[in-house]
């Protein structure tokens, strides 16, 4: 029974990691309005993220492709445009015209997850990386995500 619970918690954790990774990628698009005008153009953005997992679970790399319509209004709202889970506390948003560095601590099913990442802006595209670290009942897990838009 313990194994079943651990597997269930692990699968929930992986889904949450992927969900939050997507939020952070969207944040990379929307956060810059909090400081300087970002080197990003509003419009339809397609982005691809690839995540790898290190730890007790053998999870193959996960790749997702998404689209997001980024409007000037969203850029103007900055982080307020995001639906960040109430269990998360954004701890860093260092923003310049060319880059954002971000971090958050989230409580996922009683476990603290630390997310850290960055994105660089290039007008019509961006790229970045994010690392998520969590101590789970089945051992420490680290997820690394690379993304491009």
N, C-alpha and C. Protein backbone atom coordinates (compact mmCIF):
# COMPACT_ATOMS: atom_id res chain seq x y z
N UNK A 1 0.81 -1.19 0.00
CA UNK A 1 0.00 0.00 0.00
C UNK A 1 0.86 1.25 0.00
N UNK A 2 1.96 1.26 0.71
CA UNK A 2 2.84 2.41 0.73
C UNK A 2 3.36 2.73 -0.66
N UNK A 3 3.72 1.69 -1.42
CA UNK A 3 4.20 1.89 -2.78
C UNK A 3 3.15 2.55 -3.64
N UNK A 4 1.90 2.10 -3.51
CA UNK A 4 0.81 2.69 -4.30
C UNK A 4 0.65 4.16 -3.95
N UNK A 5 0.68 4.49 -2.67
CA UNK A 5 0.55 5.89 -2.26
C UNK A 5 1.72 6.70 -2.80
N UNK A 6 2.92 6.17 -2.68
CA UNK A 6 4.10 6.89 -3.18
C UNK A 6 4.01 7.11 -4.67
N UNK A 7 3.58 6.08 -5.41
CA UNK A 7 3.44 6.25 -6.86
C UNK A 7 2.39 7.30 -7.17
N UNK A 8 1.27 7.27 -6.45
CA UNK A 8 0.23 8.26 -6.68
C UNK A 8 0.74 9.66 -6.36
N UNK A 9 1.42 9.81 -5.23
CA UNK A 9 1.96 11.12 -4.87
C UNK A 9 3.00 11.55 -5.89
N UNK A 10 3.81 10.63 -6.37
CA UNK A 10 4.82 10.96 -7.37
C UNK A 10 4.19 11.43 -8.66
N UNK A 11 3.13 10.74 -9.11
CA UNK A 11 2.45 11.14 -10.34
C UNK A 11 1.82 12.51 -10.18
N UNK A 12 1.23 12.78 -9.01
CA UNK A 12 0.66 14.09 -8.74
C UNK A 12 1.76 15.14 -8.76
N UNK A 13 2.89 14.82 -8.18
CA UNK A 13 4.02 15.74 -8.14
C UNK A 13 4.50 16.05 -9.55
N UNK A 14 4.64 15.04 -10.39
CA UNK A 14 5.08 15.26 -11.77
C UNK A 14 4.09 16.16 -12.49
N UNK A 15 2.79 15.90 -12.34
CA UNK A 15 1.78 16.74 -12.99
C UNK A 15 1.89 18.18 -12.49
N UNK A 16 2.09 18.37 -11.18
CA UNK A 16 2.19 19.71 -10.62
C UNK A 16 3.44 20.41 -11.14
N UNK A 17 4.56 19.68 -11.19
CA UNK A 17 5.79 20.25 -11.75
C UNK A 17 5.53 20.75 -13.17
N UNK A 18 4.91 19.91 -13.99
CA UNK A 18 4.66 20.28 -15.39
C UNK A 18 3.71 21.47 -15.45
N UNK A 19 2.66 21.44 -14.61
CA UNK A 19 1.71 22.56 -14.57
C UNK A 19 2.43 23.85 -14.19
N UNK A 20 3.23 23.80 -13.13
CA UNK A 20 3.91 25.01 -12.68
C UNK A 20 4.97 25.45 -13.69
N UNK A 21 5.61 24.51 -14.35
CA UNK A 21 6.57 24.87 -15.39
C UNK A 21 5.89 25.70 -16.47
N UNK A 22 4.70 25.26 -16.88
CA UNK A 22 3.94 26.00 -17.88
C UNK A 22 3.59 27.39 -17.37
N UNK A 23 3.19 27.49 -16.10
CA UNK A 23 2.91 28.80 -15.51
C UNK A 23 4.13 29.70 -15.55
N UNK A 24 5.28 29.14 -15.22
CA UNK A 24 6.51 29.94 -15.20
C UNK A 24 6.92 30.39 -16.59
N UNK A 25 6.69 29.55 -17.58
CA UNK A 25 6.99 29.96 -18.96
C UNK A 25 6.07 31.11 -19.34
N UNK A 26 4.79 30.99 -18.99
CA UNK A 26 3.86 32.09 -19.24
C UNK A 26 4.29 33.33 -18.47
N UNK A 27 4.78 33.12 -17.24
CA UNK A 27 5.26 34.24 -16.43
C UNK A 27 6.41 34.94 -17.12
N UNK A 28 7.28 34.17 -17.76
CA UNK A 28 8.41 34.76 -18.47
C UNK A 28 7.91 35.69 -19.56
N UNK A 29 6.75 35.38 -20.14
CA UNK A 29 6.17 36.26 -21.14
C UNK A 29 5.52 37.49 -20.51
N UNK A 30 4.90 37.32 -19.35
CA UNK A 30 4.09 38.40 -18.78
C UNK A 30 4.80 39.24 -17.73
N UNK A 31 5.76 38.73 -17.02
CA UNK A 31 6.39 39.45 -15.92
C UNK A 31 7.09 40.74 -16.29
N UNK A 32 7.68 40.87 -17.45
CA UNK A 32 8.52 42.03 -17.71
C UNK A 32 7.85 43.38 -17.54
N UNK A 33 6.56 43.47 -17.62
CA UNK A 33 5.91 44.77 -17.50
C UNK A 33 6.08 45.38 -16.11
N UNK A 34 6.52 44.59 -15.15
CA UNK A 34 6.71 45.12 -13.81
C UNK A 34 7.89 46.07 -13.71
N UNK A 35 8.79 46.05 -14.67
CA UNK A 35 9.96 46.92 -14.62
C UNK A 35 10.05 47.66 -15.95
N UNK A 36 11.06 47.33 -16.73
CA UNK A 36 11.26 47.98 -18.02
C UNK A 36 10.32 47.37 -19.07
N UNK A 37 10.18 48.08 -20.19
CA UNK A 37 9.44 47.52 -21.30
C UNK A 37 10.25 46.36 -21.86
N UNK A 38 9.66 45.17 -21.93
CA UNK A 38 10.42 44.01 -22.37
C UNK A 38 10.71 44.03 -23.85
N UNK A 39 11.73 43.34 -24.22
CA UNK A 39 12.05 43.18 -25.63
C UNK A 39 11.24 41.99 -26.16
N UNK A 40 9.91 42.14 -26.11
CA UNK A 40 8.96 41.15 -26.61
C UNK A 40 7.87 41.86 -27.38
N UNK A 41 7.38 41.22 -28.42
CA UNK A 41 6.30 41.79 -29.21
C UNK A 41 5.01 41.04 -28.91
N UNK A 42 3.90 41.77 -28.67
CA UNK A 42 2.62 41.10 -28.48
C UNK A 42 2.26 40.31 -29.73
N UNK A 43 1.48 39.26 -29.55
CA UNK A 43 1.04 38.43 -30.67
C UNK A 43 0.90 36.98 -30.23
N UNK A 44 0.71 36.11 -31.21
CA UNK A 44 0.58 34.68 -30.93
C UNK A 44 1.96 34.07 -30.77
N UNK A 45 2.21 33.51 -29.60
CA UNK A 45 3.49 32.88 -29.29
C UNK A 45 3.30 31.38 -29.21
N UNK A 46 4.18 30.65 -29.84
CA UNK A 46 4.23 29.19 -29.71
C UNK A 46 5.47 28.87 -28.90
N UNK A 47 5.31 28.03 -27.89
CA UNK A 47 6.48 27.67 -27.10
C UNK A 47 6.55 26.17 -26.88
N UNK A 48 7.78 25.73 -26.73
CA UNK A 48 8.07 24.31 -26.53
C UNK A 48 8.89 24.19 -25.26
N UNK A 49 8.50 23.26 -24.40
CA UNK A 49 9.28 23.01 -23.19
C UNK A 49 9.60 21.52 -23.11
N UNK A 50 10.80 21.24 -22.64
CA UNK A 50 11.24 19.87 -22.42
C UNK A 50 11.71 19.76 -20.98
N UNK A 51 11.14 18.81 -20.25
CA UNK A 51 11.46 18.63 -18.84
C UNK A 51 12.07 17.25 -18.61
N UNK A 52 13.11 17.22 -17.79
CA UNK A 52 13.72 15.96 -17.37
C UNK A 52 13.63 15.88 -15.85
N UNK A 53 13.54 14.67 -15.35
CA UNK A 53 13.38 14.43 -13.92
C UNK A 53 14.56 13.63 -13.39
N UNK A 54 15.11 14.09 -12.27
CA UNK A 54 16.17 13.35 -11.58
C UNK A 54 15.63 12.94 -10.22
N UNK A 55 15.86 11.71 -9.83
CA UNK A 55 15.41 11.25 -8.53
C UNK A 55 14.96 9.81 -8.57
N UNK A 56 14.14 9.41 -7.60
CA UNK A 56 13.77 8.00 -7.47
C UNK A 56 12.82 7.50 -8.55
N UNK A 57 12.13 8.38 -9.24
CA UNK A 57 11.21 7.95 -10.30
C UNK A 57 11.92 7.98 -11.64
N UNK A 58 11.72 6.95 -12.43
CA UNK A 58 12.29 6.88 -13.76
C UNK A 58 11.25 7.42 -14.74
N UNK A 59 11.31 8.72 -15.00
CA UNK A 59 10.35 9.38 -15.87
C UNK A 59 11.07 9.82 -17.14
N UNK A 60 10.59 9.41 -18.32
CA UNK A 60 11.24 9.86 -19.56
C UNK A 60 11.04 11.37 -19.74
N UNK A 61 11.90 12.02 -20.53
CA UNK A 61 11.73 13.46 -20.78
C UNK A 61 10.32 13.75 -21.31
N UNK A 62 9.75 14.83 -20.82
CA UNK A 62 8.41 15.26 -21.22
C UNK A 62 8.54 16.52 -22.06
N UNK A 63 7.97 16.50 -23.26
CA UNK A 63 7.99 17.67 -24.14
C UNK A 63 6.56 18.13 -24.37
N UNK A 64 6.34 19.43 -24.27
CA UNK A 64 5.02 19.97 -24.57
C UNK A 64 5.15 21.17 -25.49
N UNK A 65 4.15 21.33 -26.32
CA UNK A 65 4.06 22.47 -27.23
C UNK A 65 2.76 23.19 -26.91
N UNK A 66 2.84 24.49 -26.73
CA UNK A 66 1.66 25.28 -26.39
C UNK A 66 1.68 26.59 -27.17
N UNK A 67 0.52 27.22 -27.20
CA UNK A 67 0.41 28.54 -27.81
C UNK A 67 -0.23 29.48 -26.81
N UNK A 68 0.19 30.72 -26.85
CA UNK A 68 -0.33 31.74 -25.95
C UNK A 68 -0.42 33.03 -26.74
N UNK A 69 -1.58 33.68 -26.71
CA UNK A 69 -1.71 34.98 -27.35
C UNK A 69 -1.33 36.03 -26.31
N UNK A 70 -0.24 36.70 -26.54
CA UNK A 70 0.26 37.71 -25.62
C UNK A 70 -0.16 39.09 -26.12
N UNK A 71 -0.97 39.77 -25.32
CA UNK A 71 -1.44 41.10 -25.69
C UNK A 71 -0.67 42.16 -24.91
N UNK A 72 -0.72 43.37 -25.40
CA UNK A 72 -0.08 44.47 -24.68
C UNK A 72 -0.74 44.65 -23.31
N UNK A 73 -2.04 44.43 -23.26
CA UNK A 73 -2.76 44.53 -21.99
C UNK A 73 -2.22 43.53 -20.97
N UNK A 74 -1.91 42.31 -21.41
CA UNK A 74 -1.33 41.32 -20.50
C UNK A 74 0.05 41.75 -20.04
N UNK A 75 0.85 42.26 -20.96
CA UNK A 75 2.17 42.74 -20.57
C UNK A 75 2.05 43.85 -19.53
N UNK A 76 1.05 44.71 -19.70
CA UNK A 76 0.85 45.82 -18.77
C UNK A 76 0.44 45.34 -17.38
N UNK A 77 -0.25 44.20 -17.30
CA UNK A 77 -0.68 43.65 -16.00
C UNK A 77 0.44 42.92 -15.29
N UNK A 78 1.45 42.50 -16.00
CA UNK A 78 2.57 41.79 -15.39
C UNK A 78 2.12 40.51 -14.70
N UNK A 79 2.63 40.28 -13.51
CA UNK A 79 2.37 39.03 -12.80
C UNK A 79 0.89 38.86 -12.45
N UNK A 80 0.13 39.95 -12.39
CA UNK A 80 -1.28 39.86 -12.04
C UNK A 80 -2.11 39.14 -13.10
N UNK A 81 -1.57 38.95 -14.29
CA UNK A 81 -2.29 38.23 -15.33
C UNK A 81 -2.28 36.73 -15.08
N UNK A 82 -1.37 36.26 -14.25
CA UNK A 82 -1.22 34.83 -14.00
C UNK A 82 -2.15 34.34 -12.90
N UNK A 83 -2.51 33.09 -13.02
CA UNK A 83 -3.31 32.44 -11.98
C UNK A 83 -2.36 31.59 -11.14
N UNK A 84 -1.50 32.25 -10.38
CA UNK A 84 -0.51 31.55 -9.57
C UNK A 84 -1.23 30.90 -8.39
N UNK A 85 -0.99 29.60 -8.16
CA UNK A 85 -1.66 28.92 -7.05
C UNK A 85 -1.43 29.64 -5.72
N UNK A 86 -2.45 29.64 -4.86
CA UNK A 86 -2.34 30.31 -3.55
C UNK A 86 -1.27 29.66 -2.69
N UNK A 87 -0.91 28.42 -2.99
CA UNK A 87 0.11 27.73 -2.21
C UNK A 87 1.52 28.16 -2.61
N UNK A 88 1.63 29.10 -3.55
CA UNK A 88 2.94 29.55 -4.03
C UNK A 88 3.24 30.97 -3.57
N UNK A 89 4.51 31.19 -3.24
CA UNK A 89 5.00 32.51 -2.85
C UNK A 89 6.12 32.88 -3.82
N UNK A 90 5.89 33.90 -4.64
CA UNK A 90 6.92 34.35 -5.58
C UNK A 90 7.99 35.07 -4.77
N UNK A 91 9.23 34.59 -4.83
CA UNK A 91 10.31 35.13 -4.01
C UNK A 91 11.30 35.98 -4.79
N UNK A 92 11.26 35.91 -6.11
CA UNK A 92 12.19 36.71 -6.91
C UNK A 92 11.58 37.02 -8.26
N UNK A 93 11.69 38.26 -8.68
CA UNK A 93 11.37 38.68 -10.04
C UNK A 93 12.31 39.82 -10.39
N UNK A 94 13.50 39.50 -10.83
CA UNK A 94 14.47 40.50 -11.27
C UNK A 94 14.32 40.64 -12.78
N UNK A 95 13.94 41.85 -13.19
CA UNK A 95 13.54 42.04 -14.58
C UNK A 95 14.31 43.18 -15.23
N UNK A 96 14.80 42.93 -16.43
CA UNK A 96 15.36 43.97 -17.29
C UNK A 96 14.69 43.84 -18.65
N UNK A 97 15.05 44.72 -19.56
CA UNK A 97 14.48 44.66 -20.90
C UNK A 97 14.81 43.34 -21.60
N UNK A 98 15.96 42.76 -21.29
CA UNK A 98 16.43 41.57 -22.00
C UNK A 98 16.28 40.26 -21.24
N UNK A 99 15.89 40.32 -19.94
CA UNK A 99 15.92 39.09 -19.14
C UNK A 99 15.02 39.20 -17.91
N UNK A 100 14.51 38.06 -17.46
CA UNK A 100 13.84 37.95 -16.17
C UNK A 100 14.41 36.75 -15.43
N UNK A 101 14.70 36.94 -14.15
CA UNK A 101 15.09 35.85 -13.25
C UNK A 101 13.96 35.73 -12.24
N UNK A 102 13.47 34.51 -12.02
CA UNK A 102 12.33 34.34 -11.13
C UNK A 102 12.53 33.14 -10.22
N UNK A 103 11.84 33.18 -9.08
CA UNK A 103 11.86 32.06 -8.14
C UNK A 103 10.55 32.07 -7.36
N UNK A 104 10.15 30.88 -6.94
CA UNK A 104 8.94 30.73 -6.13
C UNK A 104 9.07 29.51 -5.25
N UNK A 105 8.43 29.58 -4.10
CA UNK A 105 8.30 28.43 -3.21
C UNK A 105 6.83 28.06 -3.19
N UNK A 106 6.54 26.78 -3.40
CA UNK A 106 5.16 26.32 -3.40
C UNK A 106 5.00 25.16 -2.44
N UNK A 107 3.85 25.09 -1.82
CA UNK A 107 3.52 23.97 -0.96
C UNK A 107 2.66 23.03 -1.78
N UNK A 108 3.20 21.86 -2.12
CA UNK A 108 2.51 20.87 -2.92
C UNK A 108 2.24 19.67 -2.02
N UNK A 109 0.98 19.47 -1.67
CA UNK A 109 0.59 18.34 -0.83
C UNK A 109 1.46 18.23 0.42
N UNK A 110 1.72 19.37 1.08
CA UNK A 110 2.49 19.38 2.31
C UNK A 110 4.00 19.39 2.12
N UNK A 111 4.45 19.41 0.89
CA UNK A 111 5.89 19.42 0.60
C UNK A 111 6.24 20.74 -0.06
N UNK A 112 7.38 21.31 0.30
CA UNK A 112 7.82 22.56 -0.30
C UNK A 112 8.60 22.27 -1.58
N UNK A 113 8.22 22.97 -2.63
CA UNK A 113 8.92 22.88 -3.90
C UNK A 113 9.52 24.24 -4.19
N UNK A 114 10.79 24.26 -4.58
CA UNK A 114 11.49 25.50 -4.89
C UNK A 114 11.69 25.55 -6.40
N UNK A 115 11.16 26.58 -7.03
CA UNK A 115 11.29 26.80 -8.47
C UNK A 115 12.22 27.98 -8.68
N UNK A 116 13.20 27.84 -9.57
CA UNK A 116 14.10 28.93 -9.94
C UNK A 116 14.30 28.87 -11.44
N UNK A 117 14.34 30.05 -12.07
CA UNK A 117 14.55 30.04 -13.50
C UNK A 117 14.83 31.41 -14.06
N UNK A 118 15.01 31.43 -15.37
CA UNK A 118 15.25 32.68 -16.08
C UNK A 118 14.72 32.55 -17.50
N UNK A 119 14.54 33.69 -18.13
CA UNK A 119 14.21 33.74 -19.56
C UNK A 119 14.92 34.95 -20.14
N UNK A 120 15.39 34.80 -21.37
CA UNK A 120 15.99 35.92 -22.09
C UNK A 120 15.06 36.30 -23.23
N UNK A 121 14.94 37.60 -23.49
CA UNK A 121 14.01 38.13 -24.47
C UNK A 121 14.75 38.62 -25.70
N UNK A 122 14.22 38.27 -26.86
CA UNK A 122 14.86 38.62 -28.13
C UNK A 122 13.84 39.15 -29.14
N UNK A 123 12.90 39.97 -28.69
CA UNK A 123 11.92 40.56 -29.60
C UNK A 123 10.82 39.60 -30.00
N UNK A 124 11.12 38.73 -30.96
CA UNK A 124 10.12 37.79 -31.45
C UNK A 124 10.32 36.38 -30.93
N UNK A 125 11.28 36.19 -30.05
CA UNK A 125 11.45 34.87 -29.42
C UNK A 125 12.09 35.03 -28.04
N UNK A 126 11.98 33.97 -27.25
CA UNK A 126 12.61 33.95 -25.94
C UNK A 126 13.10 32.53 -25.68
N UNK A 127 13.97 32.41 -24.70
CA UNK A 127 14.43 31.09 -24.28
C UNK A 127 14.80 31.16 -22.82
N UNK A 128 14.75 30.02 -22.16
CA UNK A 128 15.08 30.01 -20.75
C UNK A 128 15.17 28.62 -20.17
N UNK A 129 15.46 28.59 -18.88
CA UNK A 129 15.57 27.34 -18.13
C UNK A 129 14.94 27.53 -16.77
N UNK A 130 14.45 26.41 -16.21
CA UNK A 130 13.91 26.43 -14.86
C UNK A 130 14.27 25.12 -14.17
N UNK A 131 14.55 25.21 -12.88
CA UNK A 131 14.81 24.04 -12.06
C UNK A 131 13.80 24.00 -10.93
N UNK A 132 13.26 22.83 -10.66
CA UNK A 132 12.32 22.62 -9.56
C UNK A 132 12.90 21.56 -8.65
N UNK A 133 12.97 21.86 -7.36
CA UNK A 133 13.52 20.90 -6.39
C UNK A 133 12.47 20.61 -5.32
N UNK A 134 12.29 19.31 -5.03
CA UNK A 134 11.29 18.91 -4.05
C UNK A 134 11.74 17.66 -3.30
N UNK A 135 11.55 17.66 -1.98
CA UNK A 135 11.76 16.46 -1.18
C UNK A 135 10.41 15.76 -1.06
N UNK A 136 10.32 14.55 -1.58
CA UNK A 136 9.07 13.80 -1.58
C UNK A 136 9.19 12.59 -0.66
N UNK A 137 8.07 11.94 -0.36
CA UNK A 137 8.13 10.73 0.46
C UNK A 137 8.97 9.62 -0.17
N UNK A 138 9.16 9.67 -1.48
CA UNK A 138 9.96 8.64 -2.15
C UNK A 138 11.38 9.12 -2.44
N UNK A 139 11.74 10.29 -1.94
CA UNK A 139 13.09 10.81 -2.10
C UNK A 139 13.11 12.15 -2.81
N UNK A 140 14.28 12.81 -2.84
CA UNK A 140 14.40 14.12 -3.50
C UNK A 140 14.20 13.99 -5.01
N UNK A 141 13.53 14.98 -5.57
CA UNK A 141 13.31 15.03 -7.02
C UNK A 141 13.73 16.39 -7.52
N UNK A 142 14.38 16.40 -8.67
CA UNK A 142 14.76 17.64 -9.34
C UNK A 142 14.25 17.56 -10.77
N UNK A 143 13.49 18.58 -11.17
CA UNK A 143 13.03 18.65 -12.55
C UNK A 143 13.70 19.84 -13.21
N UNK A 144 14.27 19.61 -14.39
CA UNK A 144 14.90 20.68 -15.17
C UNK A 144 14.09 20.87 -16.44
N UNK A 145 13.75 22.12 -16.72
CA UNK A 145 12.94 22.44 -17.88
C UNK A 145 13.66 23.46 -18.74
N UNK A 146 13.76 23.17 -20.03
CA UNK A 146 14.27 24.11 -21.03
C UNK A 146 13.08 24.53 -21.87
N UNK A 147 12.99 25.81 -22.21
CA UNK A 147 11.88 26.25 -23.04
C UNK A 147 12.33 27.32 -24.03
N UNK A 148 11.62 27.34 -25.14
CA UNK A 148 11.84 28.33 -26.20
C UNK A 148 10.49 28.75 -26.74
N UNK A 149 10.39 30.01 -27.12
CA UNK A 149 9.16 30.52 -27.72
C UNK A 149 9.52 31.40 -28.89
